[in-house]
């Protein structure tokens, strides 16, 4: 199973999608088709943390004052389900491994996994 979750308007996501071969991936654009609870639960089962899937760089994170609050795993889950911008992106699932975010290290690990 190969899945990818990305945001079409994100330049970093677009660059990464050009860098890797996604021909065998089921891709989902998260603004037009938001992540549902089942998909998020699948990501959680592999990553072990909703916080790891949460985008703390989102503008909304700061404007809602969330950086000053102590959020629980349930809070992270609810925010991701409520607003697509809170999912750290891109997210790729390859077999039983998950690759979250756009750091060079994560993308290199992904490339090595699929090559």
N, C-alpha and C. Protein backbone atom coordinates (compact mmCIF):
# COMPACT_ATOMS: atom_id res chain seq x y z
N UNK A 1 0.83 -1.18 0.00
CA UNK A 1 0.00 0.00 0.00
C UNK A 1 0.88 1.25 0.00
N UNK A 2 0.60 2.14 -0.93
CA UNK A 2 1.32 3.41 -0.99
C UNK A 2 0.31 4.54 -1.10
N UNK A 3 0.36 5.44 -0.12
CA UNK A 3 -0.56 6.58 -0.10
C UNK A 3 0.23 7.86 0.13
N UNK A 4 -0.31 8.95 -0.37
CA UNK A 4 0.30 10.25 -0.14
C UNK A 4 -0.77 11.30 0.11
N UNK A 5 -0.54 12.13 1.09
CA UNK A 5 -1.45 13.22 1.42
C UNK A 5 -0.68 14.53 1.26
N UNK A 6 -1.23 15.46 0.48
CA UNK A 6 -0.50 16.69 0.18
C UNK A 6 -1.49 17.85 0.00
N UNK A 7 -0.93 19.06 -0.07
CA UNK A 7 -1.72 20.26 -0.32
C UNK A 7 -1.28 20.85 -1.65
N UNK A 8 -2.23 20.99 -2.58
CA UNK A 8 -1.92 21.46 -3.93
C UNK A 8 -1.32 22.85 -3.94
N UNK A 9 -1.72 23.70 -3.01
CA UNK A 9 -1.24 25.08 -3.01
C UNK A 9 0.10 25.25 -2.30
N UNK A 10 0.64 24.16 -1.79
CA UNK A 10 1.91 24.20 -1.06
C UNK A 10 3.07 23.97 -2.04
N UNK A 11 3.92 24.97 -2.19
CA UNK A 11 5.05 24.86 -3.12
C UNK A 11 6.00 23.73 -2.72
N UNK A 12 6.20 23.55 -1.43
CA UNK A 12 7.08 22.48 -0.96
C UNK A 12 6.51 21.12 -1.33
N UNK A 13 5.21 20.93 -1.15
CA UNK A 13 4.57 19.66 -1.54
C UNK A 13 4.74 19.43 -3.03
N UNK A 14 4.52 20.47 -3.84
CA UNK A 14 4.64 20.33 -5.29
C UNK A 14 6.06 19.92 -5.67
N UNK A 15 7.05 20.54 -5.04
CA UNK A 15 8.45 20.22 -5.33
C UNK A 15 8.75 18.76 -4.98
N UNK A 16 8.29 18.33 -3.82
CA UNK A 16 8.55 16.96 -3.38
C UNK A 16 7.86 15.96 -4.31
N UNK A 17 6.64 16.25 -4.72
CA UNK A 17 5.92 15.35 -5.63
C UNK A 17 6.63 15.22 -6.97
N UNK A 18 7.35 16.27 -7.39
CA UNK A 18 8.14 16.19 -8.62
C UNK A 18 9.41 15.36 -8.42
N UNK A 19 9.95 15.39 -7.20
CA UNK A 19 11.21 14.70 -6.90
C UNK A 19 11.06 13.18 -6.78
N UNK A 20 9.88 12.72 -6.40
CA UNK A 20 9.71 11.28 -6.17
C UNK A 20 8.72 10.69 -7.17
N UNK A 21 8.86 9.40 -7.40
CA UNK A 21 7.97 8.70 -8.32
C UNK A 21 6.71 8.30 -7.56
N UNK A 22 5.61 8.98 -7.87
CA UNK A 22 4.35 8.71 -7.17
C UNK A 22 3.38 7.92 -8.05
N UNK A 23 3.88 7.33 -9.13
CA UNK A 23 2.99 6.63 -10.06
C UNK A 23 2.25 5.47 -9.41
N UNK A 24 2.82 4.85 -8.39
CA UNK A 24 2.18 3.73 -7.70
C UNK A 24 1.47 4.16 -6.41
N UNK A 25 1.37 5.47 -6.19
CA UNK A 25 0.75 5.99 -4.97
C UNK A 25 -0.70 6.37 -5.22
N UNK A 26 -1.51 6.19 -4.20
CA UNK A 26 -2.85 6.76 -4.19
C UNK A 26 -2.70 8.12 -3.51
N UNK A 27 -2.82 9.19 -4.29
CA UNK A 27 -2.60 10.54 -3.75
C UNK A 27 -3.93 11.20 -3.40
N UNK A 28 -3.89 11.98 -2.33
CA UNK A 28 -5.09 12.70 -1.90
C UNK A 28 -4.73 14.14 -1.58
N UNK A 29 -5.41 15.06 -2.24
CA UNK A 29 -5.21 16.48 -1.99
C UNK A 29 -6.12 16.84 -0.81
N UNK A 30 -5.51 17.29 0.29
CA UNK A 30 -6.23 17.38 1.57
C UNK A 30 -7.16 18.59 1.71
N UNK A 31 -7.04 19.57 0.82
CA UNK A 31 -7.97 20.71 0.91
C UNK A 31 -9.29 20.34 0.23
N UNK A 32 -9.21 19.75 -0.95
CA UNK A 32 -10.43 19.38 -1.68
C UNK A 32 -11.06 18.10 -1.12
N UNK A 33 -10.23 17.21 -0.58
CA UNK A 33 -10.71 15.96 0.02
C UNK A 33 -10.04 15.80 1.38
N UNK A 34 -10.62 16.42 2.41
CA UNK A 34 -9.98 16.36 3.73
C UNK A 34 -9.80 14.94 4.25
N UNK A 35 -8.80 14.79 5.07
CA UNK A 35 -8.52 13.50 5.71
C UNK A 35 -9.70 13.16 6.62
N UNK A 36 -10.17 11.91 6.54
CA UNK A 36 -11.27 11.50 7.41
C UNK A 36 -10.72 10.78 8.65
N UNK A 37 -11.61 10.44 9.55
CA UNK A 37 -11.18 9.85 10.82
C UNK A 37 -10.48 8.51 10.62
N UNK A 38 -10.98 7.71 9.68
CA UNK A 38 -10.37 6.41 9.40
C UNK A 38 -8.93 6.57 8.88
N UNK A 39 -8.73 7.51 7.96
CA UNK A 39 -7.39 7.75 7.42
C UNK A 39 -6.45 8.27 8.51
N UNK A 40 -6.95 9.17 9.33
CA UNK A 40 -6.13 9.72 10.40
C UNK A 40 -5.78 8.63 11.41
N UNK A 41 -6.72 7.75 11.69
CA UNK A 41 -6.46 6.63 12.60
C UNK A 41 -5.39 5.71 12.04
N UNK A 42 -5.41 5.50 10.72
CA UNK A 42 -4.37 4.69 10.07
C UNK A 42 -2.99 5.34 10.25
N UNK A 43 -2.93 6.65 10.04
CA UNK A 43 -1.66 7.38 10.21
C UNK A 43 -1.19 7.27 11.66
N UNK A 44 -2.14 7.42 12.59
CA UNK A 44 -1.83 7.34 14.02
C UNK A 44 -1.30 5.96 14.40
N UNK A 45 -1.92 4.92 13.83
CA UNK A 45 -1.51 3.55 14.15
C UNK A 45 -0.05 3.31 13.77
N UNK A 46 0.40 3.95 12.71
CA UNK A 46 1.79 3.76 12.26
C UNK A 46 2.73 4.71 12.99
N UNK A 47 2.31 5.98 13.15
CA UNK A 47 3.20 6.98 13.76
C UNK A 47 3.19 6.92 15.28
N UNK A 48 2.06 6.50 15.86
CA UNK A 48 1.95 6.42 17.32
C UNK A 48 1.65 7.74 18.00
N UNK A 49 1.39 8.79 17.20
CA UNK A 49 1.19 10.10 17.81
C UNK A 49 0.43 11.04 16.87
N UNK A 50 -0.61 11.66 17.40
CA UNK A 50 -1.29 12.72 16.63
C UNK A 50 -0.41 13.98 16.60
N UNK A 51 0.33 14.19 17.67
CA UNK A 51 1.20 15.37 17.71
C UNK A 51 2.23 15.33 16.60
N UNK A 52 2.75 14.13 16.29
CA UNK A 52 3.73 13.99 15.21
C UNK A 52 3.12 14.36 13.85
N UNK A 53 1.81 14.22 13.73
CA UNK A 53 1.11 14.53 12.49
C UNK A 53 0.63 15.98 12.43
N UNK A 54 0.81 16.71 13.52
CA UNK A 54 0.26 18.06 13.67
C UNK A 54 1.25 19.12 13.18
N UNK A 55 0.77 20.05 12.38
CA UNK A 55 1.59 21.12 11.83
C UNK A 55 1.58 22.33 12.77
N UNK A 56 2.65 22.46 13.53
CA UNK A 56 2.75 23.59 14.47
C UNK A 56 3.24 24.87 13.79
N UNK A 57 3.49 24.79 12.49
CA UNK A 57 3.91 25.97 11.75
C UNK A 57 2.75 26.65 11.04
N UNK A 58 1.57 26.08 11.17
CA UNK A 58 0.37 26.65 10.53
C UNK A 58 0.06 28.02 11.13
N UNK A 59 -0.34 28.94 10.29
CA UNK A 59 -0.70 30.28 10.78
C UNK A 59 -1.83 30.19 11.79
N UNK A 60 -2.77 29.32 11.53
CA UNK A 60 -3.93 29.15 12.41
C UNK A 60 -3.51 28.70 13.81
N UNK A 61 -2.44 27.94 13.89
CA UNK A 61 -1.92 27.47 15.19
C UNK A 61 -1.58 28.67 16.07
N UNK A 62 -0.92 29.65 15.48
CA UNK A 62 -0.55 30.85 16.24
C UNK A 62 -1.76 31.76 16.47
N UNK A 63 -2.58 31.95 15.44
CA UNK A 63 -3.70 32.89 15.57
C UNK A 63 -4.77 32.41 16.55
N UNK A 64 -4.91 31.11 16.72
CA UNK A 64 -5.85 30.57 17.71
C UNK A 64 -5.23 30.49 19.11
N UNK A 65 -3.95 30.85 19.20
CA UNK A 65 -3.27 30.82 20.49
C UNK A 65 -2.97 29.42 20.99
N UNK A 66 -2.92 28.45 20.08
CA UNK A 66 -2.71 27.06 20.49
C UNK A 66 -1.29 26.82 21.02
N UNK A 67 -0.34 27.65 20.57
CA UNK A 67 1.04 27.46 21.02
C UNK A 67 1.18 27.75 22.51
N UNK A 68 0.22 28.47 23.06
CA UNK A 68 0.26 28.81 24.49
C UNK A 68 -0.56 27.84 25.34
N UNK A 69 -1.16 26.84 24.68
CA UNK A 69 -1.99 25.88 25.40
C UNK A 69 -1.29 24.52 25.46
N UNK A 70 -1.67 23.75 26.44
CA UNK A 70 -1.17 22.38 26.54
C UNK A 70 -2.21 21.47 25.89
N UNK A 71 -1.89 20.97 24.69
CA UNK A 71 -2.84 20.17 23.94
C UNK A 71 -2.64 18.68 24.20
N UNK A 72 -3.74 17.95 24.28
CA UNK A 72 -3.69 16.50 24.45
C UNK A 72 -3.66 15.84 23.06
N UNK A 73 -3.40 14.55 23.03
CA UNK A 73 -3.45 13.80 21.78
C UNK A 73 -4.84 13.94 21.14
N UNK A 74 -5.88 13.91 21.97
CA UNK A 74 -7.25 14.05 21.45
C UNK A 74 -7.45 15.44 20.84
N UNK A 75 -6.87 16.46 21.45
CA UNK A 75 -6.95 17.82 20.89
C UNK A 75 -6.29 17.87 19.51
N UNK A 76 -5.09 17.29 19.41
CA UNK A 76 -4.40 17.27 18.12
C UNK A 76 -5.25 16.58 17.06
N UNK A 77 -5.82 15.44 17.42
CA UNK A 77 -6.67 14.68 16.50
C UNK A 77 -7.85 15.54 16.04
N UNK A 78 -8.54 16.15 16.99
CA UNK A 78 -9.72 16.96 16.65
C UNK A 78 -9.38 18.13 15.75
N UNK A 79 -8.26 18.82 16.04
CA UNK A 79 -7.87 19.96 15.20
C UNK A 79 -7.52 19.51 13.78
N UNK A 80 -6.83 18.38 13.65
CA UNK A 80 -6.47 17.88 12.31
C UNK A 80 -7.73 17.53 11.53
N UNK A 81 -8.70 16.91 12.19
CA UNK A 81 -9.94 16.55 11.50
C UNK A 81 -10.78 17.77 11.15
N UNK A 82 -10.68 18.81 11.97
CA UNK A 82 -11.49 20.02 11.76
C UNK A 82 -10.91 20.92 10.67
N UNK A 83 -9.60 20.99 10.56
CA UNK A 83 -8.96 21.94 9.65
C UNK A 83 -7.76 21.31 8.96
N UNK A 84 -7.83 21.19 7.63
CA UNK A 84 -6.79 20.52 6.85
C UNK A 84 -5.39 21.10 7.08
N UNK A 85 -5.32 22.38 7.37
CA UNK A 85 -4.02 23.03 7.51
C UNK A 85 -3.21 22.50 8.70
N UNK A 86 -3.88 21.81 9.62
CA UNK A 86 -3.18 21.29 10.80
C UNK A 86 -2.48 19.95 10.55
N UNK A 87 -2.69 19.34 9.38
CA UNK A 87 -1.96 18.11 9.07
C UNK A 87 -0.59 18.48 8.53
N UNK A 88 0.45 18.02 9.20
CA UNK A 88 1.81 18.25 8.71
C UNK A 88 1.92 17.57 7.36
N UNK A 89 2.51 18.24 6.41
CA UNK A 89 2.52 17.69 5.06
C UNK A 89 3.86 17.83 4.37
N UNK A 90 4.06 16.99 3.37
CA UNK A 90 3.21 15.89 2.96
C UNK A 90 3.34 14.70 3.91
N UNK A 91 2.40 13.78 3.81
CA UNK A 91 2.45 12.52 4.55
C UNK A 91 2.42 11.40 3.52
N UNK A 92 3.38 10.50 3.61
CA UNK A 92 3.42 9.34 2.73
C UNK A 92 3.40 8.08 3.58
N UNK A 93 2.61 7.11 3.15
CA UNK A 93 2.58 5.80 3.79
C UNK A 93 3.04 4.79 2.74
N UNK A 94 4.09 4.05 3.09
CA UNK A 94 4.60 3.00 2.21
C UNK A 94 4.64 1.73 3.04
N UNK A 95 3.81 0.77 2.63
CA UNK A 95 3.65 -0.47 3.38
C UNK A 95 3.26 -0.12 4.81
N UNK A 96 4.12 -0.39 5.77
CA UNK A 96 3.78 -0.10 7.17
C UNK A 96 4.68 0.99 7.76
N UNK A 97 5.21 1.85 6.90
CA UNK A 97 6.04 2.96 7.34
C UNK A 97 5.37 4.27 6.95
N UNK A 98 5.58 5.28 7.80
CA UNK A 98 5.00 6.59 7.53
C UNK A 98 6.12 7.62 7.47
N UNK A 99 5.97 8.55 6.53
CA UNK A 99 6.95 9.63 6.34
C UNK A 99 6.17 10.94 6.45
N UNK A 100 6.47 11.69 7.50
CA UNK A 100 5.68 12.88 7.83
C UNK A 100 6.54 14.13 7.67
N UNK A 101 6.04 15.07 6.90
CA UNK A 101 6.71 16.37 6.78
C UNK A 101 7.66 16.45 5.62
N UNK A 102 8.37 17.57 5.55
CA UNK A 102 9.17 17.87 4.38
C UNK A 102 10.66 18.05 4.68
N UNK A 103 11.12 17.57 5.82
CA UNK A 103 12.55 17.72 6.11
C UNK A 103 13.36 16.88 5.12
N UNK A 104 14.57 17.31 4.85
CA UNK A 104 15.45 16.59 3.92
C UNK A 104 15.61 15.14 4.34
N UNK A 105 15.77 14.92 5.64
CA UNK A 105 15.97 13.57 6.16
C UNK A 105 14.77 12.67 5.85
N UNK A 106 13.58 13.17 6.10
CA UNK A 106 12.35 12.38 5.86
C UNK A 106 12.20 12.06 4.37
N UNK A 107 12.44 13.05 3.52
CA UNK A 107 12.29 12.84 2.07
C UNK A 107 13.35 11.87 1.55
N UNK A 108 14.57 11.95 2.07
CA UNK A 108 15.61 11.00 1.67
C UNK A 108 15.24 9.58 2.09
N UNK A 109 14.70 9.43 3.32
CA UNK A 109 14.27 8.11 3.79
C UNK A 109 13.16 7.57 2.89
N UNK A 110 12.24 8.43 2.49
CA UNK A 110 11.16 8.03 1.59
C UNK A 110 11.72 7.57 0.25
N UNK A 111 12.62 8.36 -0.31
CA UNK A 111 13.22 8.01 -1.60
C UNK A 111 13.93 6.66 -1.52
N UNK A 112 14.66 6.44 -0.44
CA UNK A 112 15.35 5.16 -0.28
C UNK A 112 14.37 4.01 -0.15
N UNK A 113 13.27 4.24 0.49
CA UNK A 113 12.26 3.19 0.68
C UNK A 113 11.62 2.78 -0.64
N UNK A 114 11.34 3.75 -1.50
CA UNK A 114 10.60 3.44 -2.73
C UNK A 114 11.51 3.14 -3.91
N UNK A 115 12.81 3.32 -3.76
CA UNK A 115 13.71 3.06 -4.90
C UNK A 115 14.07 1.60 -5.02
